[in-house]
Amino acid sequence: MDVRPTPPLPFKQPSPDRVEIREGGGCLSIFGVPFLEAGVFTALIGAWIIPISNTDEVPAWAWPLIFLMGLAITPVKVFGRNSLVVFANSREVLPGSNGCWRLKDNN
């Protein structure tokens, strides 16, 4: 019987030779949902998909700037999960899966 202590919270040991260190995501991602909505809305205004009432008052140089601002605001804290995978046998440290959802587990 293997009686090893479980690692503390930011660490996860899916196999004996592998340790994952994760941070971010979870409830912190919920904080980013309004930023995601505001960024998409701003980018759609900058792309002229959502009309605004004072279109004729906005200078031509501002439209690409509004679009780029929307793109910059969109990913704030929504896709903010970082992880590292440490392989004990090969002594490698690799970046893990980023994003809120894990797509595939490579053992």
Protein backbone atom coordinates (compact mmCIF):
# COMPACT_ATOMS: atom_id res chain seq x y z
CA MET A 1 0.00 0.00 0.00
CA ASP A 2 1.37 3.39 -1.02
CA VAL A 3 0.89 5.86 1.83
CA ARG A 4 2.23 9.18 0.58
CA PRO A 5 0.88 12.48 1.84
CA THR A 6 -1.20 14.44 -0.62
CA PRO A 7 0.46 17.65 -1.82
CA PRO A 8 -0.88 21.05 -0.69
CA LEU A 9 -3.59 22.84 -2.68
CA PRO A 10 -1.81 24.53 -5.62
CA PHE A 11 -0.10 21.21 -6.37
CA LYS A 12 -1.67 18.12 -7.92
CA GLN A 13 0.08 14.77 -8.37
CA PRO A 14 -1.73 12.83 -11.11
CA SER A 15 1.03 10.18 -11.28
CA PRO A 16 4.05 9.27 -9.12
CA ASP A 17 6.53 10.96 -11.48
CA ARG A 18 4.47 14.05 -12.35
CA VAL A 19 3.46 17.11 -10.31
CA GLU A 20 1.22 19.90 -11.64
CA ILE A 21 1.25 23.40 -10.19
CA ARG A 22 -1.91 25.35 -10.99
CA GLU A 23 -3.06 28.87 -10.25
CA GLY A 24 -5.88 31.08 -11.40
CA GLY A 25 -9.14 30.06 -13.04
CA GLY A 26 -12.15 28.93 -11.04
CA CYS A 27 -14.08 31.69 -9.31
CA LEU A 28 -11.49 34.22 -10.45
CA SER A 29 -12.68 33.63 -14.02
CA ILE A 30 -16.17 34.83 -13.07
CA PHE A 31 -14.60 38.21 -12.25
CA GLY A 32 -13.50 38.46 -15.89
CA VAL A 33 -16.91 37.84 -17.46
CA PRO A 34 -17.92 41.56 -17.46
CA PHE A 35 -14.57 42.40 -19.08
CA LEU A 36 -15.20 39.75 -21.72
CA GLU A 37 -18.64 41.20 -22.46
CA ALA A 38 -17.37 44.79 -22.53
CA GLY A 39 -14.45 43.86 -24.78
CA VAL A 40 -16.61 42.00 -27.29
CA PHE A 41 -19.16 44.84 -27.29
CA THR A 42 -16.42 47.46 -27.82
CA ALA A 43 -14.80 45.42 -30.60
CA LEU A 44 -18.16 45.05 -32.36
CA ILE A 45 -18.68 48.81 -32.17
CA GLY A 46 -15.20 49.37 -33.62
CA ALA A 47 -15.98 46.94 -36.46
CA TRP A 48 -19.23 48.85 -37.23
CA ILE A 49 -21.38 45.78 -36.48
CA ILE A 50 -23.20 47.47 -33.59
CA PRO A 51 -24.33 50.96 -34.64
CA ILE A 52 -24.01 53.98 -32.37
CA SER A 53 -26.01 57.18 -32.51
CA ASN A 54 -23.11 59.61 -33.06
CA THR A 55 -21.25 57.73 -35.81
CA ASP A 56 -20.70 60.90 -37.84
CA GLU A 57 -18.99 62.63 -34.90
CA VAL A 58 -16.34 59.92 -34.43
CA PRO A 59 -13.14 60.61 -36.42
CA ALA A 60 -11.94 57.98 -38.88
CA TRP A 61 -8.76 57.23 -36.92
CA ALA A 62 -10.79 56.31 -33.81
CA TRP A 63 -12.57 53.29 -35.30
CA PRO A 64 -9.50 51.03 -35.48
CA LEU A 65 -8.49 52.26 -32.02
CA ILE A 66 -11.91 51.35 -30.58
CA PHE A 67 -11.65 47.91 -32.19
CA LEU A 68 -8.14 47.31 -30.77
CA MET A 69 -9.24 48.50 -27.32
CA GLY A 70 -12.05 45.94 -27.44
CA LEU A 71 -9.61 43.19 -28.35
CA ALA A 72 -7.30 44.23 -25.51
CA ILE A 73 -10.08 44.21 -22.89
CA THR A 74 -11.60 40.87 -23.94
CA PRO A 75 -9.16 38.30 -22.45
CA VAL A 76 -8.70 39.98 -19.04
CA LYS A 77 -8.93 37.35 -16.25
CA VAL A 78 -11.17 35.00 -18.24
CA PHE A 79 -8.44 32.84 -19.70
CA GLY A 80 -6.04 33.38 -16.82
CA ARG A 81 -5.20 29.89 -15.64
CA ASN A 82 -1.50 29.09 -15.48
CA SER A 83 0.04 25.75 -14.81
CA LEU A 84 3.40 24.01 -14.86
CA VAL A 85 4.03 20.29 -15.13
CA VAL A 86 7.14 18.91 -13.44
CA PHE A 87 8.33 15.48 -14.60
CA ALA A 88 10.53 13.89 -11.92
CA ASN A 89 12.00 11.09 -14.06
CA SER A 90 13.20 13.26 -16.93
CA ARG A 91 13.68 16.41 -14.79
CA GLU A 92 11.66 18.53 -17.22
CA VAL A 93 9.44 21.50 -16.42
CA LEU A 94 6.84 22.22 -19.11
CA PRO A 95 3.94 24.66 -19.28
CA GLY A 96 0.64 22.91 -18.69
CA SER A 97 -2.76 23.49 -20.21
CA ASN A 98 -3.76 27.14 -20.08
CA GLY A 99 -7.36 28.30 -20.12
CA CYS A 100 -10.34 27.65 -17.92
CA TRP A 101 -11.09 24.17 -19.19
CA ARG A 102 -8.70 21.28 -19.52
CA LEU A 103 -8.93 19.91 -23.05
CA LYS A 104 -6.87 16.74 -22.86
CA ASP A 105 -4.84 14.90 -20.22
CA ASN A 106 -1.56 13.64 -21.67
CA ASN A 107 -0.10 11.02 -19.35
